[in-house]
Amino acid sequence: MIQVNVHTAKTQLSQLLVRVEDGEDVVIARNGRPVARVVPYEPRRNYWAIYGAWKGKVDMSRFDEADEEIAREHGEID
């Protein structure tokens, strides 16, 4: 990880991005205090698009039986 000041970041952005692409983190500082970190971009995985991604992670068994209060309100139970 390297730390650069704002002026250096502005003037050498292209070179810094090459270093980030190579896996290095770059910290941008103002007056010697870190204010931002530039890291390689990692796209988020779309779990909804992966069939079965939630299998085993969510317990839906409590929805198998109807709730008596709801059933009574809908006239299903006398």
PDB file of N, CA and C in Angstrom:
ATOM      1  N   MET A   1       0.855  -1.167   0.000  1.00  0.00           N
ATOM      2  CA  MET A   1       0.000   0.000   0.000  1.00  0.00           C
ATOM      3  C   MET A   1       0.903   1.231   0.000  1.00  0.00           C
ATOM      4  N   ILE A   2       0.545   2.183  -0.859  1.00  0.00           N
ATOM      5  CA  ILE A   2       1.294   3.442  -0.881  1.00  0.00           C
ATOM      6  C   ILE A   2       0.349   4.565  -0.509  1.00  0.00           C
ATOM      7  N   GLN A   3       0.928   5.649  -0.010  1.00  0.00           N
ATOM      8  CA  GLN A   3       0.133   6.832   0.319  1.00  0.00           C
ATOM      9  C   GLN A   3       0.672   8.003  -0.487  1.00  0.00           C
ATOM     10  N   VAL A   4      -0.241   8.719  -1.139  1.00  0.00           N
ATOM     11  CA  VAL A   4       0.136   9.896  -1.924  1.00  0.00           C
ATOM     12  C   VAL A   4      -0.744  11.055  -1.516  1.00  0.00           C
ATOM     13  N   ASN A   5      -0.232  12.274  -1.751  1.00  0.00           N
ATOM     14  CA  ASN A   5      -1.068  13.435  -1.445  1.00  0.00           C
ATOM     15  C   ASN A   5      -2.009  13.732  -2.616  1.00  0.00           C
ATOM     16  N   VAL A   6      -2.943  14.620  -2.398  1.00  0.00           N
ATOM     17  CA  VAL A   6      -3.971  14.918  -3.404  1.00  0.00           C
ATOM     18  C   VAL A   6      -3.339  15.419  -4.696  1.00  0.00           C
ATOM     19  N   HIS A   7      -2.355  16.282  -4.603  1.00  0.00           N
ATOM     20  CA  HIS A   7      -1.717  16.827  -5.805  1.00  0.00           C
ATOM     21  C   HIS A   7      -1.090  15.715  -6.643  1.00  0.00           C
ATOM     22  N   THR A   8      -0.370  14.814  -5.979  1.00  0.00           N
ATOM     23  CA  THR A   8       0.249  13.691  -6.693  1.00  0.00           C
ATOM     24  C   THR A   8      -0.816  12.794  -7.316  1.00  0.00           C
ATOM     25  N   ALA A   9      -1.900  12.560  -6.580  1.00  0.00           N
ATOM     26  CA  ALA A   9      -2.984  11.720  -7.104  1.00  0.00           C
ATOM     27  C   ALA A   9      -3.588  12.341  -8.356  1.00  0.00           C
ATOM     28  N   LYS A  10      -3.748  13.655  -8.349  1.00  0.00           N
ATOM     29  CA  LYS A  10      -4.333  14.328  -9.516  1.00  0.00           C
ATOM     30  C   LYS A  10      -3.394  14.302 -10.711  1.00  0.00           C
ATOM     31  N   THR A  11      -2.114  14.489 -10.468  1.00  0.00           N
ATOM     32  CA  THR A  11      -1.176  14.577 -11.589  1.00  0.00           C
ATOM     33  C   THR A  11      -0.726  13.209 -12.094  1.00  0.00           C
ATOM     34  N   GLN A  12      -0.807  12.171 -11.258  1.00  0.00           N
ATOM     35  CA  GLN A  12      -0.323  10.849 -11.652  1.00  0.00           C
ATOM     36  C   GLN A  12      -1.424   9.791 -11.581  1.00  0.00           C
ATOM     37  N   LEU A  13      -2.661  10.194 -11.815  1.00  0.00           N
ATOM     38  CA  LEU A  13      -3.786   9.271 -11.675  1.00  0.00           C
ATOM     39  C   LEU A  13      -3.628   8.037 -12.558  1.00  0.00           C
ATOM     40  N   SER A  14      -3.229   8.211 -13.784  1.00  0.00           N
ATOM     41  CA  SER A  14      -3.091   7.064 -14.692  1.00  0.00           C
ATOM     42  C   SER A  14      -2.089   6.048 -14.165  1.00  0.00           C
ATOM     43  N   GLN A  15      -0.933   6.521 -13.682  1.00  0.00           N
ATOM     44  CA  GLN A  15       0.069   5.613 -13.147  1.00  0.00           C
ATOM     45  C   GLN A  15      -0.434   4.926 -11.874  1.00  0.00           C
ATOM     46  N   LEU A  16      -1.153   5.651 -11.031  1.00  0.00           N
ATOM     47  CA  LEU A  16      -1.697   5.068  -9.812  1.00  0.00           C
ATOM     48  C   LEU A  16      -2.727   3.995 -10.137  1.00  0.00           C
ATOM     49  N   LEU A  17      -3.539   4.227 -11.165  1.00  0.00           N
ATOM     50  CA  LEU A  17      -4.534   3.234 -11.555  1.00  0.00           C
ATOM     51  C   LEU A  17      -3.876   1.954 -12.071  1.00  0.00           C
ATOM     52  N   VAL A  18      -2.739   2.080 -12.728  1.00  0.00           N
ATOM     53  CA  VAL A  18      -2.005   0.892 -13.173  1.00  0.00           C
ATOM     54  C   VAL A  18      -1.571   0.091 -11.955  1.00  0.00           C
ATOM     55  N   ARG A  19      -1.088   0.778 -10.928  1.00  0.00           N
ATOM     56  CA  ARG A  19      -0.671   0.077  -9.710  1.00  0.00           C
ATOM     57  C   ARG A  19      -1.858  -0.598  -9.030  1.00  0.00           C
ATOM     58  N   VAL A  20      -3.012   0.081  -9.039  1.00  0.00           N
ATOM     59  CA  VAL A  20      -4.230  -0.507  -8.450  1.00  0.00           C
ATOM     60  C   VAL A  20      -4.638  -1.738  -9.244  1.00  0.00           C
ATOM     61  N   GLU A  21      -4.570  -1.653 -10.572  1.00  0.00           N
ATOM     62  CA  GLU A  21      -4.899  -2.808 -11.413  1.00  0.00           C
ATOM     63  C   GLU A  21      -3.987  -3.994 -11.118  1.00  0.00           C
ATOM     64  N   ASP A  22      -2.783  -3.704 -10.700  1.00  0.00           N
ATOM     65  CA  ASP A  22      -1.826  -4.760 -10.352  1.00  0.00           C
ATOM     66  C   ASP A  22      -2.053  -5.300  -8.946  1.00  0.00           C
ATOM     67  N   GLY A  23      -3.093  -4.781  -8.263  1.00  0.00           N
ATOM     68  CA  GLY A  23      -3.457  -5.314  -6.954  1.00  0.00           C
ATOM     69  C   GLY A  23      -3.013  -4.494  -5.761  1.00  0.00           C
ATOM     70  N   GLU A  24      -2.386  -3.373  -6.009  1.00  0.00           N
ATOM     71  CA  GLU A  24      -1.889  -2.545  -4.906  1.00  0.00           C
ATOM     72  C   GLU A  24      -2.965  -1.551  -4.464  1.00  0.00           C
ATOM     73  N   ASP A  25      -3.059  -1.307  -3.158  1.00  0.00           N
ATOM     74  CA  ASP A  25      -3.969  -0.288  -2.625  1.00  0.00           C
ATOM     75  C   ASP A  25      -3.243   1.053  -2.601  1.00  0.00           C
ATOM     76  N   VAL A  26      -3.962   2.116  -2.935  1.00  0.00           N
ATOM     77  CA  VAL A  26      -3.401   3.461  -2.911  1.00  0.00           C
ATOM     78  C   VAL A  26      -4.240   4.302  -1.954  1.00  0.00           C
ATOM     79  N   VAL A  27      -3.577   4.931  -0.996  1.00  0.00           N
ATOM     80  CA  VAL A  27      -4.244   5.811  -0.051  1.00  0.00           C
ATOM     81  C   VAL A  27      -3.962   7.249  -0.470  1.00  0.00           C
ATOM     82  N   ILE A  28      -5.021   8.041  -0.552  1.00  0.00           N
ATOM     83  CA  ILE A  28      -4.883   9.449  -0.895  1.00  0.00           C
ATOM     84  C   ILE A  28      -5.048  10.250   0.390  1.00  0.00           C
ATOM     85  N   ALA A  29      -4.065  11.116   0.644  1.00  0.00           N
ATOM     86  CA  ALA A  29      -4.063  11.884   1.891  1.00  0.00           C
ATOM     87  C   ALA A  29      -4.144  13.385   1.601  1.00  0.00           C
ATOM     88  N   ARG A  30      -4.747  14.085   2.547  1.00  0.00           N
ATOM     89  CA  ARG A  30      -4.795  15.546   2.491  1.00  0.00           C
ATOM     90  C   ARG A  30      -4.100  16.038   3.755  1.00  0.00           C
ATOM     91  N   ASN A  31      -3.052  16.847   3.585  1.00  0.00           N
ATOM     92  CA  ASN A  31      -2.264  17.352   4.717  1.00  0.00           C
ATOM     93  C   ASN A  31      -1.738  16.207   5.584  1.00  0.00           C
ATOM     94  N   GLY A  32      -1.359  15.097   4.938  1.00  0.00           N
ATOM     95  CA  GLY A  32      -0.792  13.974   5.659  1.00  0.00           C
ATOM     96  C   GLY A  32      -1.801  13.043   6.320  1.00  0.00           C
ATOM     97  N   ARG A  33      -3.100  13.382   6.239  1.00  0.00           N
ATOM     98  CA  ARG A  33      -4.140  12.544   6.845  1.00  0.00           C
ATOM     99  C   ARG A  33      -4.850  11.751   5.756  1.00  0.00           C
ATOM    100  N   PRO A  34      -4.876  10.429   5.863  1.00  0.00           N
ATOM    101  CA  PRO A  34      -5.562   9.607   4.853  1.00  0.00           C
ATOM    102  C   PRO A  34      -7.052   9.961   4.780  1.00  0.00           C
ATOM    103  N   VAL A  35      -7.557  10.134   3.556  1.00  0.00           N
ATOM    104  CA  VAL A  35      -8.977  10.446   3.371  1.00  0.00           C
ATOM    105  C   VAL A  35      -9.681   9.467   2.440  1.00  0.00           C
ATOM    106  N   ALA A  36      -8.934   8.751   1.620  1.00  0.00           N
ATOM    107  CA  ALA A  36      -9.568   7.822   0.677  1.00  0.00           C
ATOM    108  C   ALA A  36      -8.593   6.698   0.341  1.00  0.00           C
ATOM    109  N   ARG A  37      -9.180   5.562  -0.032  1.00  0.00           N
ATOM    110  CA  ARG A  37      -8.368   4.427  -0.444  1.00  0.00           C
ATOM    111  C   ARG A  37      -8.875   3.961  -1.802  1.00  0.00           C
ATOM    112  N   VAL A  38      -7.981   3.794  -2.746  1.00  0.00           N
ATOM    113  CA  VAL A  38      -8.317   3.298  -4.077  1.00  0.00           C
ATOM    114  C   VAL A  38      -7.881   1.845  -4.127  1.00  0.00           C
ATOM    115  N   VAL A  39      -8.844   0.974  -4.395  1.00  0.00           N
ATOM    116  CA  VAL A  39      -8.583  -0.471  -4.430  1.00  0.00           C
ATOM    117  C   VAL A  39      -9.099  -1.035  -5.747  1.00  0.00           C
ATOM    118  N   PRO A  40      -8.633  -2.208  -6.139  1.00  0.00           N
ATOM    119  CA  PRO A  40      -9.142  -2.808  -7.385  1.00  0.00           C
ATOM    120  C   PRO A  40     -10.652  -3.033  -7.306  1.00  0.00           C
ATOM    121  N   TYR A  41     -11.337  -2.801  -8.395  1.00  0.00           N
ATOM    122  CA  TYR A  41     -12.784  -2.982  -8.471  1.00  0.00           C
ATOM    123  C   TYR A  41     -13.115  -4.461  -8.600  1.00  0.00           C
ATOM    124  N   GLU A  42     -14.046  -4.907  -7.768  1.00  0.00           N
ATOM    125  CA  GLU A  42     -14.526  -6.285  -7.856  1.00  0.00           C
ATOM    126  C   GLU A  42     -16.039  -6.240  -8.040  1.00  0.00           C
ATOM    127  N   PRO A  43     -16.540  -6.638  -9.198  1.00  0.00           N
ATOM    128  CA  PRO A  43     -17.987  -6.585  -9.410  1.00  0.00           C
ATOM    129  C   PRO A  43     -18.710  -7.484  -8.417  1.00  0.00           C
ATOM    130  N   ARG A  44     -19.865  -7.034  -7.978  1.00  0.00           N
ATOM    131  CA  ARG A  44     -20.676  -7.816  -7.051  1.00  0.00           C
ATOM    132  C   ARG A  44     -21.308  -8.983  -7.794  1.00  0.00           C
ATOM    133  N   ARG A  45     -21.336 -10.104  -7.120  1.00  0.00           N
ATOM    134  CA  ARG A  45     -21.983 -11.274  -7.722  1.00  0.00           C
ATOM    135  C   ARG A  45     -23.482 -11.117  -7.577  1.00  0.00           C
ATOM    136  N   ASN A  46     -24.199 -11.439  -8.623  1.00  0.00           N
ATOM    137  CA  ASN A  46     -25.648 -11.367  -8.592  1.00  0.00           C
ATOM    138  C   ASN A  46     -26.178 -12.721  -8.125  1.00  0.00           C
ATOM    139  N   TYR A  47     -26.404 -12.844  -6.806  1.00  0.00           N
ATOM    140  CA  TYR A  47     -26.833 -14.120  -6.249  1.00  0.00           C
ATOM    141  C   TYR A  47     -28.219 -14.526  -6.728  1.00  0.00           C
ATOM    142  N   TRP A  48     -29.033 -13.556  -7.111  1.00  0.00           N
ATOM    143  CA  TRP A  48     -30.386 -13.895  -7.575  1.00  0.00           C
ATOM    144  C   TRP A  48     -30.327 -14.597  -8.929  1.00  0.00           C
ATOM    145  N   ALA A  49     -29.289 -14.353  -9.678  1.00  0.00           N
ATOM    146  CA  ALA A  49     -29.182 -14.957 -11.004  1.00  0.00           C
ATOM    147  C   ALA A  49     -28.630 -16.383 -10.941  1.00  0.00           C
ATOM    148  N   ILE A  50     -28.071 -16.759  -9.811  1.00  0.00           N
ATOM    149  CA  ILE A  50     -27.501 -18.093  -9.674  1.00  0.00           C
ATOM    150  C   ILE A  50     -28.574 -19.018  -9.103  1.00  0.00           C
ATOM    151  N   TYR A  51     -29.033 -19.945  -9.902  1.00  0.00           N
ATOM    152  CA  TYR A  51     -30.086 -20.857  -9.477  1.00  0.00           C
ATOM    153  C   TYR A  51     -29.624 -21.671  -8.284  1.00  0.00           C
ATOM    154  N   GLY A  52     -30.399 -21.640  -7.238  1.00  0.00           N
ATOM    155  CA  GLY A  52     -30.110 -22.430  -6.054  1.00  0.00           C
ATOM    156  C   GLY A  52     -29.080 -21.826  -5.121  1.00  0.00           C
ATOM    157  N   ALA A  53     -28.744 -20.550  -5.307  1.00  0.00           N
ATOM    158  CA  ALA A  53     -27.720 -19.926  -4.480  1.00  0.00           C
ATOM    159  C   ALA A  53     -28.121 -19.860  -3.014  1.00  0.00           C
ATOM    160  N   TRP A  54     -29.423 -19.795  -2.728  1.00  0.00           N
ATOM    161  CA  TRP A  54     -29.886 -19.682  -1.340  1.00  0.00           C
ATOM    162  C   TRP A  54     -30.201 -21.043  -0.718  1.00  0.00           C
ATOM    163  N   LYS A  55     -30.016 -22.121  -1.473  1.00  0.00           N
ATOM    164  CA  LYS A  55     -30.338 -23.445  -0.959  1.00  0.00           C
ATOM    165  C   LYS A  55     -29.491 -23.742   0.285  1.00  0.00           C
ATOM    166  N   GLY A  56     -30.175 -24.132   1.347  1.00  0.00           N
ATOM    167  CA  GLY A  56     -29.507 -24.453   2.591  1.00  0.00           C
ATOM    168  C   GLY A  56     -29.174 -23.256   3.458  1.00  0.00           C
ATOM    169  N   LYS A  57     -29.457 -22.040   2.976  1.00  0.00           N
ATOM    170  CA  LYS A  57     -29.137 -20.839   3.733  1.00  0.00           C
ATOM    171  C   LYS A  57     -30.371 -20.210   4.372  1.00  0.00           C
ATOM    172  N   VAL A  58     -31.565 -20.588   3.888  1.00  0.00           N
ATOM    173  CA  VAL A  58     -32.802 -20.016   4.399  1.00  0.00           C
ATOM    174  C   VAL A  58     -33.708 -21.150   4.832  1.00  0.00           C
ATOM    175  N   ASP A  59     -34.267 -21.021   6.038  1.00  0.00           N
ATOM    176  CA  ASP A  59     -35.176 -22.031   6.560  1.00  0.00           C
ATOM    177  C   ASP A  59     -36.613 -21.563   6.355  1.00  0.00           C
ATOM    178  N   MET A  60     -37.332 -22.209   5.459  1.00  0.00           N
ATOM    179  CA  MET A  60     -38.712 -21.829   5.154  1.00  0.00           C
ATOM    180  C   MET A  60     -39.716 -22.772   5.821  1.00  0.00           C
ATOM    181  N   SER A  61     -39.243 -23.680   6.673  1.00  0.00           N
ATOM    182  CA  SER A  61     -40.125 -24.698   7.240  1.00  0.00           C
ATOM    183  C   SER A  61     -41.224 -24.100   8.104  1.00  0.00           C
ATOM    184  N   ARG A  62     -40.989 -22.963   8.724  1.00  0.00           N
ATOM    185  CA  ARG A  62     -42.024 -22.391   9.583  1.00  0.00           C
ATOM    186  C   ARG A  62     -43.206 -21.856   8.773  1.00  0.00           C
ATOM    187  N   PHE A  63     -43.066 -21.749   7.479  1.00  0.00           N
ATOM    188  CA  PHE A  63     -44.156 -21.283   6.628  1.00  0.00           C
ATOM    189  C   PHE A  63     -44.997 -22.434   6.083  1.00  0.00           C
ATOM    190  N   ASP A  64     -44.619 -23.660   6.402  1.00  0.00           N
ATOM    191  CA  ASP A  64     -45.352 -24.811   5.908  1.00  0.00           C
ATOM    192  C   ASP A  64     -46.746 -24.929   6.532  1.00  0.00           C
ATOM    193  N   GLU A  65     -46.869 -24.560   7.789  1.00  0.00           N
ATOM    194  CA  GLU A  65     -48.150 -24.654   8.478  1.00  0.00           C
ATOM    195  C   GLU A  65     -48.802 -23.281   8.538  1.00  0.00           C
ATOM    196  N   ALA A  66     -50.104 -23.229   8.291  1.00  0.00           N
ATOM    197  CA  ALA A  66     -50.826 -21.962   8.319  1.00  0.00           C
ATOM    198  C   ALA A  66     -50.961 -21.466   9.753  1.00  0.00           C
ATOM    199  N   ASP A  67     -50.849 -20.185   9.932  1.00  0.00           N
ATOM    200  CA  ASP A  67     -51.028 -19.571  11.235  1.00  0.00           C
ATOM    201  C   ASP A  67     -52.519 -19.554  11.572  1.00  0.00           C
ATOM    202  N   GLU A  68     -52.878 -20.011  12.762  1.00  0.00           N
ATOM    203  CA  GLU A  68     -54.299 -20.119  13.131  1.00  0.00           C
ATOM    204  C   GLU A  68     -54.998 -18.774  13.116  1.00  0.00           C
ATOM    205  N   GLU A  69     -54.349 -17.729  13.597  1.00  0.00           N
ATOM    206  CA  GLU A  69     -54.970 -16.406  13.639  1.00  0.00           C
ATOM    207  C   GLU A  69     -55.306 -15.916  12.232  1.00  0.00           C
ATOM    208  N   ILE A  70     -54.401 -16.104  11.315  1.00  0.00           N
ATOM    209  CA  ILE A  70     -54.644 -15.680   9.927  1.00  0.00           C
ATOM    210  C   ILE A  70     -55.755 -16.529   9.321  1.00  0.00           C
ATOM    211  N   ALA A  71     -55.724 -17.826   9.566  1.00  0.00           N
ATOM    212  CA  ALA A  71     -56.753 -18.711   9.027  1.00  0.00           C
ATOM    213  C   ALA A  71     -58.129 -18.328   9.570  1.00  0.00           C
ATOM    214  N   ARG A  72     -58.205 -17.963  10.858  1.00  0.00           N
ATOM    215  CA  ARG A  72     -59.474 -17.545  11.455  1.00  0.00           C
ATOM    216  C   ARG A  72     -59.994 -16.272  10.789  1.00  0.00           C
ATOM    217  N   GLU A  73     -59.104 -15.330  10.540  1.00  0.00           N
ATOM    218  CA  GLU A  73     -59.507 -14.068   9.914  1.00  0.00           C
ATOM    219  C   GLU A  73     -60.004 -14.270   8.501  1.00  0.00           C
ATOM    220  N   HIS A  74     -59.544 -15.283   7.824  1.00  0.00           N
ATOM    221  CA  HIS A  74     -59.979 -15.568   6.450  1.00  0.00           C
ATOM    222  C   HIS A  74     -61.153 -16.557   6.421  1.00  0.00           C
ATOM    223  N   GLY A  75     -61.656 -16.906   7.574  1.00  0.00           N
ATOM    224  CA  GLY A  75     -62.820 -17.780   7.646  1.00  0.00           C
ATOM    225  C   GLY A  75     -62.517 -19.223   7.347  1.00  0.00           C
ATOM    226  N   GLU A  76     -61.259 -19.615   7.388  1.00  0.00           N
ATOM    227  CA  GLU A  76     -60.897 -20.997   7.119  1.00  0.00           C
ATOM    228  C   GLU A  76     -61.101 -21.887   8.339  1.00  0.00           C
ATOM    229  N   ILE A  77     -61.071 -21.275   9.534  1.00  0.00           N
ATOM    230  CA  ILE A  77     -61.275 -22.014  10.782  1.00  0.00           C
ATOM    231  C   ILE A  77     -62.475 -21.369  11.495  1.00  0.00           C
ATOM    232  N   ASP A  78     -63.370 -22.200  12.016  1.00  0.00           N
ATOM    233  CA  ASP A  78     -64.534 -21.659  12.720  1.00  0.00           C
ATOM    234  C   ASP A  78     -64.226 -21.393  14.170  1.00  0.00           C
TER     235      ASP A  78
END
